[in-house]
PDB file of N, CA and C in Angstrom:
ATOM      1  N   MET A   1     136.439 123.295  85.899  1.00  0.00           N
ATOM      2  CA  MET A   1     135.478 122.286  86.254  1.00  0.00           C
ATOM      3  C   MET A   1     134.571 122.070  85.049  1.00  0.00           C
ATOM      4  N   ALA A   2     134.373 120.811  84.734  1.00  0.00           N
ATOM      5  CA  ALA A   2     133.562 120.457  83.566  1.00  0.00           C
ATOM      6  C   ALA A   2     132.077 120.563  83.917  1.00  0.00           C
ATOM      7  N   VAL A   3     131.260 120.624  82.875  1.00  0.00           N
ATOM      8  CA  VAL A   3     129.818 120.769  83.041  1.00  0.00           C
ATOM      9  C   VAL A   3     129.235 119.560  83.782  1.00  0.00           C
ATOM     10  N   TRP A   4     129.680 118.369  83.423  1.00  0.00           N
ATOM     11  CA  TRP A   4     129.137 117.173  84.075  1.00  0.00           C
ATOM     12  C   TRP A   4     129.496 117.140  85.562  1.00  0.00           C
ATOM     13  N   GLU A   5     130.640 117.701  85.946  1.00  0.00           N
ATOM     14  CA  GLU A   5     131.015 117.766  87.357  1.00  0.00           C
ATOM     15  C   GLU A   5     130.087 118.725  88.123  1.00  0.00           C
ATOM     16  N   ILE A   6     129.744 119.848  87.469  1.00  0.00           N
ATOM     17  CA  ILE A   6     128.827 120.813  88.086  1.00  0.00           C
ATOM     18  C   ILE A   6     127.441 120.181  88.259  1.00  0.00           C
ATOM     19  N   VAL A   7     126.962 119.486  87.237  1.00  0.00           N
ATOM     20  CA  VAL A   7     125.663 118.829  87.294  1.00  0.00           C
ATOM     21  C   VAL A   7     125.672 117.767  88.398  1.00  0.00           C
ATOM     22  N   LEU A   8     126.740 116.999  88.479  1.00  0.00           N
ATOM     23  CA  LEU A   8     126.859 115.976  89.513  1.00  0.00           C
ATOM     24  C   LEU A   8     126.881 116.611  90.901  1.00  0.00           C
ATOM     25  N   LEU A   9     127.579 117.692  91.072  1.00  0.00           N
ATOM     26  CA  LEU A   9     127.640 118.401  92.345  1.00  0.00           C
ATOM     27  C   LEU A   9     126.252 118.914  92.741  1.00  0.00           C
ATOM     28  N   ILE A  10     125.515 119.471  91.785  1.00  0.00           N
ATOM     29  CA  ILE A  10     124.158 119.965  92.047  1.00  0.00           C
ATOM     30  C   ILE A  10     123.244 118.807  92.451  1.00  0.00           C
ATOM     31  N   LEU A  11     123.352 117.676  91.769  1.00  0.00           N
ATOM     32  CA  LEU A  11     122.536 116.508  92.117  1.00  0.00           C
ATOM     33  C   LEU A  11     122.857 116.000  93.528  1.00  0.00           C
ATOM     34  N   VAL A  12     124.115 115.963  93.885  1.00  0.00           N
ATOM     35  CA  VAL A  12     124.516 115.518  95.222  1.00  0.00           C
ATOM     36  C   VAL A  12     123.951 116.467  96.280  1.00  0.00           C
ATOM     37  N   VAL A  13     124.031 117.772  96.027  1.00  0.00           N
ATOM     38  CA  VAL A  13     123.499 118.752  96.968  1.00  0.00           C
ATOM     39  C   VAL A  13     121.981 118.597  97.094  1.00  0.00           C
ATOM     40  N   LEU A  14     121.275 118.399  95.972  1.00  0.00           N
ATOM     41  CA  LEU A  14     119.829 118.222  96.006  1.00  0.00           C
ATOM     42  C   LEU A  14     119.433 116.962  96.786  1.00  0.00           C
ATOM     43  N   VAL A  15     120.149 115.882  96.553  1.00  0.00           N
ATOM     44  CA  VAL A  15     119.861 114.639  97.284  1.00  0.00           C
ATOM     45  C   VAL A  15     120.103 114.844  98.777  1.00  0.00           C
ATOM     46  N   ALA A  16     121.167 115.526  99.129  1.00  0.00           N
ATOM     47  CA  ALA A  16     121.466 115.796 100.542  1.00  0.00           C
ATOM     48  C   ALA A  16     120.374 116.663 101.175  1.00  0.00           C
ATOM     49  N   LEU A  17     119.898 117.675 100.459  1.00  0.00           N
ATOM     50  CA  LEU A  17     118.829 118.524 100.966  1.00  0.00           C
ATOM     51  C   LEU A  17     117.524 117.748 101.140  1.00  0.00           C
ATOM     52  N   LEU A  18     117.200 116.888 100.167  1.00  0.00           N
ATOM     53  CA  LEU A  18     115.998 116.070 100.283  1.00  0.00           C
ATOM     54  C   LEU A  18     116.097 115.113 101.473  1.00  0.00           C
ATOM     55  N   PHE A  19     117.252 114.519 101.662  1.00  0.00           N
ATOM     56  CA  PHE A  19     117.462 113.623 102.793  1.00  0.00           C
ATOM     57  C   PHE A  19     117.296 114.375 104.113  1.00  0.00           C
ATOM     58  N   ALA A  20     117.920 115.541 104.217  1.00  0.00           N
ATOM     59  CA  ALA A  20     117.826 116.332 105.449  1.00  0.00           C
ATOM     60  C   ALA A  20     116.382 116.768 105.705  1.00  0.00           C
ATOM     61  N   GLY A  21     115.684 117.183 104.681  1.00  0.00           N
ATOM     62  CA  GLY A  21     114.289 117.590 104.836  1.00  0.00           C
ATOM     63  C   GLY A  21     113.411 116.432 105.276  1.00  0.00           C
ATOM     64  N   GLY A  22     113.620 115.262 104.707  1.00  0.00           N
ATOM     65  CA  GLY A  22     112.862 114.076 105.110  1.00  0.00           C
ATOM     66  C   GLY A  22     113.159 113.684 106.548  1.00  0.00           C
ATOM     67  N   TYR A  23     114.404 113.795 106.941  1.00  0.00           N
ATOM     68  CA  TYR A  23     114.794 113.468 108.320  1.00  0.00           C
ATOM     69  C   TYR A  23     114.107 114.411 109.309  1.00  0.00           C
ATOM     70  N   VAL A  24     114.104 115.701 109.018  1.00  0.00           N
ATOM     71  CA  VAL A  24     113.473 116.680 109.905  1.00  0.00           C
ATOM     72  C   VAL A  24     111.962 116.444 109.966  1.00  0.00           C
ATOM     73  N   ALA A  25     111.338 116.202 108.824  1.00  0.00           N
ATOM     74  CA  ALA A  25     109.893 115.959 108.798  1.00  0.00           C
ATOM     75  C   ALA A  25     109.537 114.697 109.580  1.00  0.00           C
ATOM     76  N   ASN A  26     110.333 113.660 109.435  1.00  0.00           N
ATOM     77  CA  ASN A  26     110.092 112.421 110.169  1.00  0.00           C
ATOM     78  C   ASN A  26     110.270 112.627 111.668  1.00  0.00           C
ATOM     79  N   ALA A  27     111.261 113.390 112.069  1.00  0.00           N
ATOM     80  CA  ALA A  27     111.489 113.662 113.487  1.00  0.00           C
ATOM     81  C   ALA A  27     110.315 114.430 114.089  1.00  0.00           C
ATOM     82  N   ARG A  28     109.798 115.412 113.366  1.00  0.00           N
ATOM     83  CA  ARG A  28     108.646 116.174 113.853  1.00  0.00           C
ATOM     84  C   ARG A  28     107.403 115.293 113.967  1.00  0.00           C
ATOM     85  N   LEU A  29     107.181 114.446 112.974  1.00  0.00           N
ATOM     86  CA  LEU A  29     106.035 113.545 112.993  1.00  0.00           C
ATOM     87  C   LEU A  29     106.147 112.556 114.151  1.00  0.00           C
ATOM     88  N   SER A  30     107.329 112.036 114.358  1.00  0.00           N
ATOM     89  CA  SER A  30     107.554 111.099 115.464  1.00  0.00           C
ATOM     90  C   SER A  30     107.319 111.785 116.807  1.00  0.00           C
ATOM     91  N   ALA A  31     107.776 113.019 116.966  1.00  0.00           N
ATOM     92  CA  ALA A  31     107.570 113.763 118.211  1.00  0.00           C
ATOM     93  C   ALA A  31     106.089 114.029 118.437  1.00  0.00           C
ATOM     94  N   ALA A  32     105.361 114.352 117.385  1.00  0.00           N
ATOM     95  CA  ALA A  32     103.920 114.585 117.509  1.00  0.00           C
ATOM     96  C   ALA A  32     103.201 113.303 117.915  1.00  0.00           C
ATOM     97  N   ARG A  33     103.594 112.181 117.330  1.00  0.00           N
ATOM     98  CA  ARG A  33     102.991 110.903 117.700  1.00  0.00           C
ATOM     99  C   ARG A  33     103.289 110.563 119.161  1.00  0.00           C
ATOM    100  N   GLN A  34     104.529 110.804 119.590  1.00  0.00           N
ATOM    101  CA  GLN A  34     104.907 110.536 120.981  1.00  0.00           C
ATOM    102  C   GLN A  34     104.076 111.389 121.938  1.00  0.00           C
ATOM    103  N   ARG A  35     103.920 112.674 121.629  1.00  0.00           N
ATOM    104  CA  ARG A  35     103.109 113.558 122.471  1.00  0.00           C
ATOM    105  C   ARG A  35     101.672 113.058 122.571  1.00  0.00           C
ATOM    106  N   HIS A  36     101.117 112.698 121.425  1.00  0.00           N
ATOM    107  CA  HIS A  36      99.734 112.210 121.395  1.00  0.00           C
ATOM    108  C   HIS A  36      99.604 110.939 122.228  1.00  0.00           C
ATOM    109  N   LEU A  37     100.548 110.029 122.094  1.00  0.00           N
ATOM    110  CA  LEU A  37     100.511 108.792 122.854  1.00  0.00           C
ATOM    111  C   LEU A  37     100.632 109.068 124.351  1.00  0.00           C
ATOM    112  N   ARG A  38     101.557 109.959 124.732  1.00  0.00           N
ATOM    113  CA  ARG A  38     101.708 110.303 126.146  1.00  0.00           C
ATOM    114  C   ARG A  38     100.432 110.925 126.702  1.00  0.00           C
ATOM    115  N   GLU A  39      99.767 111.760 125.917  1.00  0.00           N
ATOM    116  CA  GLU A  39      98.517 112.371 126.359  1.00  0.00           C
ATOM    117  C   GLU A  39      97.430 111.314 126.574  1.00  0.00           C
ATOM    118  N   ARG A  40      97.338 110.363 125.646  1.00  0.00           N
ATOM    119  CA  ARG A  40      96.324 109.310 125.785  1.00  0.00           C
ATOM    120  C   ARG A  40      96.609 108.416 126.981  1.00  0.00           C
ATOM    121  N   VAL A  41      97.887 108.084 127.188  1.00  0.00           N
ATOM    122  CA  VAL A  41      98.249 107.264 128.346  1.00  0.00           C
ATOM    123  C   VAL A  41      97.964 108.028 129.636  1.00  0.00           C
ATOM    124  N   ALA A  42      98.291 109.300 129.661  1.00  0.00           N
ATOM    125  CA  ALA A  42      98.030 110.111 130.848  1.00  0.00           C
ATOM    126  C   ALA A  42      96.535 110.198 131.140  1.00  0.00           C
ATOM    127  N   GLU A  43      95.724 110.372 130.100  1.00  0.00           N
ATOM    128  CA  GLU A  43      94.275 110.418 130.296  1.00  0.00           C
ATOM    129  C   GLU A  43      93.767 109.093 130.875  1.00  0.00           C
ATOM    130  N   ALA A  44      94.276 108.007 130.343  1.00  0.00           N
ATOM    131  CA  ALA A  44      93.857 106.696 130.848  1.00  0.00           C
ATOM    132  C   ALA A  44      94.306 106.507 132.290  1.00  0.00           C
ATOM    133  N   ASP A  45      95.523 106.909 132.594  1.00  0.00           N
ATOM    134  CA  ASP A  45      96.021 106.805 133.963  1.00  0.00           C
ATOM    135  C   ASP A  45      95.185 107.644 134.914  1.00  0.00           C
ATOM    136  N   HIS A  46      94.841 108.856 134.492  1.00  0.00           N
ATOM    137  CA  HIS A  46      94.031 109.731 135.345  1.00  0.00           C
ATOM    138  C   HIS A  46      92.662 109.118 135.602  1.00  0.00           C
ATOM    139  N   ALA A  47      92.053 108.598 134.547  1.00  0.00           N
ATOM    140  CA  ALA A  47      90.727 107.999 134.702  1.00  0.00           C
ATOM    141  C   ALA A  47      90.790 106.770 135.612  1.00  0.00           C
ATOM    142  N   LEU A  48      91.807 105.954 135.417  1.00  0.00           N
ATOM    143  CA  LEU A  48      91.958 104.772 136.252  1.00  0.00           C
ATOM    144  C   LEU A  48      92.225 105.159 137.700  1.00  0.00           C
ATOM    145  N   ALA A  49      93.109 106.115 137.894  1.00  0.00           N
ATOM    146  CA  ALA A  49      93.431 106.554 139.253  1.00  0.00           C
ATOM    147  C   ALA A  49      92.206 107.137 139.949  1.00  0.00           C
ATOM    148  N   ALA A  50      91.450 107.941 139.239  1.00  0.00           N
ATOM    149  CA  ALA A  50      90.249 108.532 139.842  1.00  0.00           C
ATOM    150  C   ALA A  50      89.215 107.460 140.166  1.00  0.00           C
ATOM    151  N   ALA A  51      89.042 106.503 139.264  1.00  0.00           N
ATOM    152  CA  ALA A  51      88.071 105.435 139.503  1.00  0.00           C
ATOM    153  C   ALA A  51      88.479 104.582 140.695  1.00  0.00           C
ATOM    154  N   ARG A  52      89.741 104.220 140.758  1.00  0.00           N
ATOM    155  CA  ARG A  52      90.206 103.397 141.876  1.00  0.00           C
ATOM    156  C   ARG A  52      90.098 104.168 143.177  1.00  0.00           C
ATOM    157  N   ALA A  53      90.425 105.444 143.139  1.00  0.00           N
ATOM    158  CA  ALA A  53      90.361 106.244 144.364  1.00  0.00           C
ATOM    159  C   ALA A  53      88.926 106.335 144.871  1.00  0.00           C
ATOM    160  N   SER A  54      87.991 106.572 143.969  1.00  0.00           N
ATOM    161  CA  SER A  54      86.605 106.690 144.416  1.00  0.00           C
ATOM    162  C   SER A  54      86.020 105.328 144.794  1.00  0.00           C
ATOM    163  N   ASP A  55      86.427 104.264 144.122  1.00  0.00           N
ATOM    164  CA  ASP A  55      85.908 102.940 144.433  1.00  0.00           C
ATOM    165  C   ASP A  55      86.457 102.389 145.744  1.00  0.00           C
ATOM    166  N   ARG A  56      87.619 102.816 146.140  1.00  0.00           N
ATOM    167  CA  ARG A  56      88.251 102.278 147.341  1.00  0.00           C
ATOM    168  C   ARG A  56      87.892 103.078 148.591  1.00  0.00           C
ATOM    169  N   GLY A  57      87.044 104.044 148.447  1.00  0.00           N
ATOM    170  CA  GLY A  57      86.620 104.807 149.611  1.00  0.00           C
ATOM    171  C   GLY A  57      87.579 105.916 150.009  1.00  0.00           C
ATOM    172  N   TRP A  58      88.504 106.251 149.159  1.00  0.00           N
ATOM    173  CA  TRP A  58      89.423 107.339 149.457  1.00  0.00           C
ATOM    174  C   TRP A  58      88.674 108.651 149.258  1.00  0.00           C
ATOM    175  N   ASP A  59      88.915 109.603 150.123  1.00  0.00           N
ATOM    176  CA  ASP A  59      88.312 110.925 149.977  1.00  0.00           C
ATOM    177  C   ASP A  59      89.278 111.777 149.159  1.00  0.00           C
ATOM    178  N   ARG A  60      88.961 111.945 147.900  1.00  0.00           N
ATOM    179  CA  ARG A  60      89.876 112.635 146.997  1.00  0.00           C
ATOM    180  C   ARG A  60      90.143 114.077 147.420  1.00  0.00           C
ATOM    181  N   SER A  61      89.113 114.761 147.918  1.00  0.00           N
ATOM    182  CA  SER A  61      89.321 116.159 148.310  1.00  0.00           C
ATOM    183  C   SER A  61      90.293 116.258 149.481  1.00  0.00           C
ATOM    184  N   LEU A  62      90.200 115.338 150.454  1.00  0.00           N
ATOM    185  CA  LEU A  62      91.161 115.345 151.569  1.00  0.00           C
ATOM    186  C   LEU A  62      92.562 115.003 151.091  1.00  0.00           C
ATOM    187  N   LEU A  63      92.653 114.073 150.154  1.00  0.00           N
ATOM    188  CA  LEU A  63      93.952 113.692 149.591  1.00  0.00           C
ATOM    189  C   LEU A  63      94.584 114.871 148.854  1.00  0.00           C
ATOM    190  N   GLU A  64      93.793 115.587 148.059  1.00  0.00           N
ATOM    191  CA  GLU A  64      94.318 116.755 147.344  1.00  0.00           C
ATOM    192  C   GLU A  64      94.708 117.867 148.313  1.00  0.00           C
ATOM    193  N   GLN A  65      93.923 118.057 149.377  1.00  0.00           N
ATOM    194  CA  GLN A  65      94.287 119.066 150.384  1.00  0.00           C
ATOM    195  C   GLN A  65      95.619 118.724 151.027  1.00  0.00           C
ATOM    196  N   ALA A  66      95.831 117.449 151.352  1.00  0.00           N
ATOM    197  CA  ALA A  66      97.097 117.019 151.947  1.00  0.00           C
ATOM    198  C   ALA A  66      98.250 117.219 150.970  1.00  0.00           C
ATOM    199  N   ALA A  67      98.014 116.940 149.688  1.00  0.00           N
ATOM    200  CA  ALA A  67      99.052 117.131 148.672  1.00  0.00           C
ATOM    201  C   ALA A  67      99.392 118.616 148.524  1.00  0.00           C
ATOM    202  N   ARG A  68      98.381 119.460 148.516  1.00  0.00           N
ATOM    203  CA  ARG A  68      98.615 120.906 148.426  1.00  0.00           C
ATOM    204  C   ARG A  68      99.395 121.406 149.647  1.00  0.00           C
ATOM    205  N   ALA A  69      99.024 120.917 150.836  1.00  0.00           N
ATOM    206  CA  ALA A  69      99.736 121.334 152.049  1.00  0.00           C
ATOM    207  C   ALA A  69     101.185 120.859 152.010  1.00  0.00           C
ATOM    208  N   ALA A  70     101.408 119.633 151.559  1.00  0.00           N
ATOM    209  CA  ALA A  70     102.778 119.103 151.478  1.00  0.00           C
ATOM    210  C   ALA A  70     103.603 119.891 150.477  1.00  0.00           C
ATOM    211  N   LEU A  71     103.002 120.228 149.348  1.00  0.00           N
ATOM    212  CA  LEU A  71     103.738 120.990 148.336  1.00  0.00           C
ATOM    213  C   LEU A  71     104.016 122.406 148.813  1.00  0.00           C
ATOM    214  N   THR A  72     103.073 123.017 149.508  1.00  0.00           N
ATOM    215  CA  THR A  72     103.280 124.365 150.043  1.00  0.00           C
ATOM    216  C   THR A  72     104.414 124.354 151.064  1.00  0.00           C
ATOM    217  N   ALA A  73     104.474 123.303 151.880  1.00  0.00           N
ATOM    218  CA  ALA A  73     105.574 123.193 152.850  1.00  0.00           C
ATOM    219  C   ALA A  73     106.908 122.963 152.148  1.00  0.00           C
ATOM    220  N   ARG A  74     106.879 122.199 151.071  1.00  0.00           N
ATOM    221  CA  ARG A  74     108.116 121.890 150.336  1.00  0.00           C
ATOM    222  C   ARG A  74     108.595 123.076 149.506  1.00  0.00           C
ATOM    223  N   ARG A  75     107.671 123.819 148.910  1.00  0.00           N
ATOM    224  CA  ARG A  75     108.002 124.949 148.045  1.00  0.00           C
ATOM    225  C   ARG A  75     107.214 126.175 148.479  1.00  0.00           C
ATOM    226  N   PRO A  76     107.634 126.824 149.552  1.00  0.00           N
ATOM    227  CA  PRO A  76     106.906 128.009 150.015  1.00  0.00           C
ATOM    228  C   PRO A  76     106.907 129.105 148.941  1.00  0.00           C
ATOM    229  N   GLY A  77     105.773 129.712 148.759  1.00  0.00           N
ATOM    230  CA  GLY A  77     105.669 130.810 147.796  1.00  0.00           C
ATOM    231  C   GLY A  77     105.312 130.384 146.389  1.00  0.00           C
ATOM    232  N   ALA A  78     105.431 129.091 146.062  1.00  0.00           N
ATOM    233  CA  ALA A  78     105.079 128.626 144.719  1.00  0.00           C
ATOM    234  C   ALA A  78     103.566 128.436 144.653  1.00  0.00           C
ATOM    235  N   SER A  79     102.952 128.992 143.633  1.00  0.00           N
ATOM    236  CA  SER A  79     101.503 128.827 143.498  1.00  0.00           C
ATOM    237  C   SER A  79     101.216 127.579 142.667  1.00  0.00           C
ATOM    238  N   ILE A  80     100.255 126.797 143.118  1.00  0.00           N
ATOM    239  CA  ILE A  80      99.875 125.572 142.422  1.00  0.00           C
ATOM    240  C   ILE A  80      98.899 125.934 141.317  1.00  0.00           C
ATOM    241  N   GLU A  81      99.287 125.668 140.083  1.00  0.00           N
ATOM    242  CA  GLU A  81      98.439 125.967 138.938  1.00  0.00           C
ATOM    243  C   GLU A  81      97.535 124.793 138.581  1.00  0.00           C
ATOM    244  N   GLN A  82      98.066 123.565 138.717  1.00  0.00           N
ATOM    245  CA  GLN A  82      97.274 122.383 138.375  1.00  0.00           C
ATOM    246  C   GLN A  82      97.804 121.201 139.174  1.00  0.00           C
ATOM    247  N   ILE A  83      96.895 120.381 139.667  1.00  0.00           N
ATOM    248  CA  ILE A  83      97.266 119.178 140.397  1.00  0.00           C
ATOM    249  C   ILE A  83      96.402 118.040 139.873  1.00  0.00           C
ATOM    250  N   GLU A  84      97.067 116.969 139.418  1.00  0.00           N
ATOM    251  CA  GLU A  84      96.357 115.851 138.813  1.00  0.00           C
ATOM    252  C   GLU A  84      96.783 114.556 139.474  1.00  0.00           C
ATOM    253  N   LEU A  85      95.826 113.765 139.884  1.00  0.00           N
ATOM    254  CA  LEU A  85      96.097 112.448 140.429  1.00  0.00           C
ATOM    255  C   LEU A  85      96.429 111.526 139.265  1.00  0.00           C
ATOM    256  N   ILE A  86      97.624 110.937 139.262  1.00  0.00           N
ATOM    257  CA  ILE A  86      98.019 110.105 138.127  1.00  0.00           C
ATOM    258  C   ILE A  86      98.238 108.653 138.492  1.00  0.00           C
ATOM    259  N   GLN A  87      98.378 108.342 139.791  1.00  0.00           N
ATOM    260  CA  GLN A  87      98.579 106.949 140.156  1.00  0.00           C
ATOM    261  C   GLN A  87      98.057 106.700 141.561  1.00  0.00           C
ATOM    262  N   VAL A  88      97.427 105.560 141.733  1.00  0.00           N
ATOM    263  CA  VAL A  88      96.929 105.137 143.034  1.00  0.00           C
ATOM    264  C   VAL A  88      97.455 103.731 143.292  1.00  0.00           C
ATOM    265  N   VAL A  89      98.069 103.539 144.449  1.00  0.00           N
ATOM    266  CA  VAL A  89      98.514 102.211 144.857  1.00  0.00           C
ATOM    267  C   VAL A  89      97.744 101.881 146.125  1.00  0.00           C
ATOM    268  N   ASP A  90      96.798 100.981 145.985  1.00  0.00           N
ATOM    269  CA  ASP A  90      95.906 100.635 147.091  1.00  0.00           C
ATOM    270  C   ASP A  90      96.143  99.177 147.466  1.00  0.00           C
ATOM    271  N   LEU A  91      97.075  98.961 148.384  1.00  0.00           N
ATOM    272  CA  LEU A  91      97.377  97.614 148.862  1.00  0.00           C
ATOM    273  C   LEU A  91      96.472  97.301 150.049  1.00  0.00           C
ATOM    274  N   PRO A  92      96.375  96.048 150.456  1.00  0.00           N
ATOM    275  CA  PRO A  92      95.537  95.720 151.609  1.00  0.00           C
ATOM    276  C   PRO A  92      95.940  96.533 152.839  1.00  0.00           C
ATOM    277  N   GLY A  93      94.944  96.973 153.582  1.00  0.00           N
ATOM    278  CA  GLY A  93      95.203  97.823 154.742  1.00  0.00           C
ATOM    279  C   GLY A  93      95.329  99.273 154.305  1.00  0.00           C
ATOM    280  N   THR A  94      95.693 100.127 155.263  1.00  0.00           N
ATOM    281  CA  THR A  94      95.832 101.543 154.918  1.00  0.00           C
ATOM    282  C   THR A  94      97.264 102.041 155.049  1.00  0.00           C
ATOM    283  N   ASP A  95      98.153 101.249 155.633  1.00  0.00           N
ATOM    284  CA  ASP A  95      99.514 101.722 155.843  1.00  0.00           C
ATOM    285  C   ASP A  95     100.420 101.554 154.637  1.00  0.00           C
ATOM    286  N   SER A  96      99.933 100.970 153.577  1.00  0.00           N
ATOM    287  CA  SER A  96     100.750 100.795 152.379  1.00  0.00           C
ATOM    288  C   SER A  96     100.185 101.546 151.184  1.00  0.00           C
ATOM    289  N   ASP A  97      99.134 102.331 151.394  1.00  0.00           N
ATOM    290  CA  ASP A  97      98.516 103.073 150.294  1.00  0.00           C
ATOM    291  C   ASP A  97      99.387 104.261 149.909  1.00  0.00           C
ATOM    292  N   SER A  98      99.385 104.563 148.625  1.00  0.00           N
ATOM    293  CA  SER A  98     100.081 105.764 148.159  1.00  0.00           C
ATOM    294  C   SER A  98      99.364 106.311 146.931  1.00  0.00           C
ATOM    295  N   ALA A  99      99.634 107.567 146.677  1.00  0.00           N
ATOM    296  CA  ALA A  99      99.054 108.247 145.521  1.00  0.00           C
ATOM    297  C   ALA A  99     100.117 109.168 144.946  1.00  0.00           C
ATOM    298  N   VAL A 100     100.136 109.282 143.640  1.00  0.00           N
ATOM    299  CA  VAL A 100     101.104 110.146 142.977  1.00  0.00           C
ATOM    300  C   VAL A 100     100.348 111.221 142.215  1.00  0.00           C
ATOM    301  N   PHE A 101     100.779 112.453 142.414  1.00  0.00           N
ATOM    302  CA  PHE A 101     100.198 113.602 141.734  1.00  0.00           C
ATOM    303  C   PHE A 101     101.212 114.194 140.773  1.00  0.00           C
ATOM    304  N   HIS A 102     100.728 114.666 139.637  1.00  0.00           N
ATOM    305  CA  HIS A 102     101.533 115.502 138.743  1.00  0.00           C
ATOM    306  C   HIS A 102     101.110 116.935 139.051  1.00  0.00           C
ATOM    307  N   VAL A 103     102.062 117.732 139.503  1.00  0.00           N
ATOM    308  CA  VAL A 103     101.753 119.082 139.954  1.00  0.00           C
ATOM    309  C   VAL A 103     102.465 120.091 139.067  1.00  0.00           C
ATOM    310  N   THR A 104     101.707 121.081 138.604  1.00  0.00           N
ATOM    311  CA  THR A 104     102.274 122.204 137.864  1.00  0.00           C
ATOM    312  C   THR A 104     102.192 123.420 138.768  1.00  0.00           C
ATOM    313  N   THR A 105     103.358 124.011 139.027  1.00  0.00           N
ATOM    314  CA  THR A 105     103.413 125.205 139.863  1.00  0.00           C
ATOM    315  C   THR A 105     104.015 126.346 139.067  1.00  0.00           C
ATOM    316  N   SER A 106     104.077 127.490 139.698  1.00  0.00           N
ATOM    317  CA  SER A 106     104.678 128.650 139.039  1.00  0.00           C
ATOM    318  C   SER A 106     106.170 128.438 138.801  1.00  0.00           C
ATOM    319  N   SER A 107     106.782 127.489 139.507  1.00  0.00           N
ATOM    320  CA  SER A 107     108.214 127.245 139.328  1.00  0.00           C
ATOM    321  C   SER A 107     108.509 125.995 138.501  1.00  0.00           C
ATOM    322  N   GLY A 108     107.488 125.326 137.958  1.00  0.00           N
ATOM    323  CA  GLY A 108     107.731 124.167 137.103  1.00  0.00           C
ATOM    324  C   GLY A 108     106.776 123.019 137.398  1.00  0.00           C
ATOM    325  N   GLU A 109     107.160 121.827 136.925  1.00  0.00           N
ATOM    326  CA  GLU A 109     106.347 120.634 137.098  1.00  0.00           C
ATOM    327  C   GLU A 109     107.111 119.620 137.927  1.00  0.00           C
ATOM    328  N   GLU A 110     106.356 118.817 138.678  1.00  0.00           N
ATOM    329  CA  GLU A 110     106.993 117.755 139.443  1.00  0.00           C
ATOM    330  C   GLU A 110     105.982 116.685 139.800  1.00  0.00           C
ATOM    331  N   GLN A 111     106.499 115.544 140.230  1.00  0.00           N
ATOM    332  CA  GLN A 111     105.683 114.451 140.732  1.00  0.00           C
ATOM    333  C   GLN A 111     105.722 114.522 142.258  1.00  0.00           C
ATOM    334  N   LEU A 112     104.581 114.337 142.885  1.00  0.00           N
ATOM    335  CA  LEU A 112     104.489 114.360 144.342  1.00  0.00           C
ATOM    336  C   LEU A 112     103.827 113.065 144.794  1.00  0.00           C
ATOM    337  N   GLU A 113     104.560 112.277 145.565  1.00  0.00           N
ATOM    338  CA  GLU A 113     104.010 111.029 146.081  1.00  0.00           C
ATOM    339  C   GLU A 113     103.529 111.248 147.502  1.00  0.00           C
ATOM    340  N   MET A 114     102.307 110.812 147.741  1.00  0.00           N
ATOM    341  CA  MET A 114     101.711 110.887 149.063  1.00  0.00           C
ATOM    342  C   MET A 114     101.551 109.473 149.596  1.00  0.00           C
ATOM    343  N   ILE A 115     101.825 109.288 150.896  1.00  0.00           N
ATOM    344  CA  ILE A 115     101.651 107.981 151.515  1.00  0.00           C
ATOM    345  C   ILE A 115     100.633 108.093 152.632  1.00  0.00           C
ATOM    346  N   ARG A 116      99.954 106.993 152.880  1.00  0.00           N
ATOM    347  CA  ARG A 116      98.880 106.979 153.873  1.00  0.00           C
ATOM    348  C   ARG A 116      99.332 106.205 155.105  1.00  0.00           C
ATOM    349  N   ARG A 117      99.115 106.805 156.242  1.00  0.00           N
ATOM    350  CA  ARG A 117      99.368 106.166 157.523  1.00  0.00           C
ATOM    351  C   ARG A 117      98.095 106.300 158.341  1.00  0.00           C
ATOM    352  N   GLY A 118      97.338 105.237 158.404  1.00  0.00           N
ATOM    353  CA  GLY A 118      96.034 105.311 159.077  1.00  0.00           C
ATOM    354  C   GLY A 118      95.076 106.141 158.250  1.00  0.00           C
ATOM    355  N   ASP A 119      94.582 107.222 158.846  1.00  0.00           N
ATOM    356  CA  ASP A 119      93.671 108.115 158.123  1.00  0.00           C
ATOM    357  C   ASP A 119      94.369 109.384 157.636  1.00  0.00           C
ATOM    358  N   GLU A 120      95.671 109.498 157.851  1.00  0.00           N
ATOM    359  CA  GLU A 120      96.414 110.702 157.478  1.00  0.00           C
ATOM    360  C   GLU A 120      97.257 110.468 156.221  1.00  0.00           C
ATOM    361  N   TRP A 121      97.383 111.514 155.425  1.00  0.00           N
ATOM    362  CA  TRP A 121      98.208 111.484 154.232  1.00  0.00           C
ATOM    363  C   TRP A 121      99.381 112.433 154.427  1.00  0.00           C
ATOM    364  N   ALA A 122     100.578 112.029 153.956  1.00  0.00           N
ATOM    365  CA  ALA A 122     101.766 112.867 154.053  1.00  0.00           C
ATOM    366  C   ALA A 122     102.645 112.629 152.825  1.00  0.00           C
ATOM    367  N   ALA A 123     103.501 113.581 152.554  1.00  0.00           N
ATOM    368  CA  ALA A 123     104.429 113.436 151.433  1.00  0.00           C
ATOM    369  C   ALA A 123     105.405 112.315 151.732  1.00  0.00           C
ATOM    370  N   ALA A 124     105.730 111.566 150.714  1.00  0.00           N
ATOM    371  CA  ALA A 124     106.671 110.442 150.882  1.00  0.00           C
ATOM    372  C   ALA A 124     108.075 110.958 151.122  1.00  0.00           C
TER     373      ALA A 124
END
């Protein structure tokens, strides 16, 4: 193998390594941006959901109690670590209202939709 072939091979390997490193760095940066965006959207959704819930006369503590009871019935033995109201659908009347919670339990994360029938809340 000639010297120029070795030099060319080294240059090709270096270019490939630089390309791979740039690709990995870009992927990490993109993932960080996505996480940040999801966090900001979630914060906005939570604030909007809480504001709408309190403005519409919904009793948030009763709604959360119903969600906890529904989740306990659905997943006996799982402890609820965090429960966040993320969406409120408040249509005219009370029979079409719903609320969505993001729940973190000892067994994982899930979305829990609650529906309103009169003054009672139940899992969808």
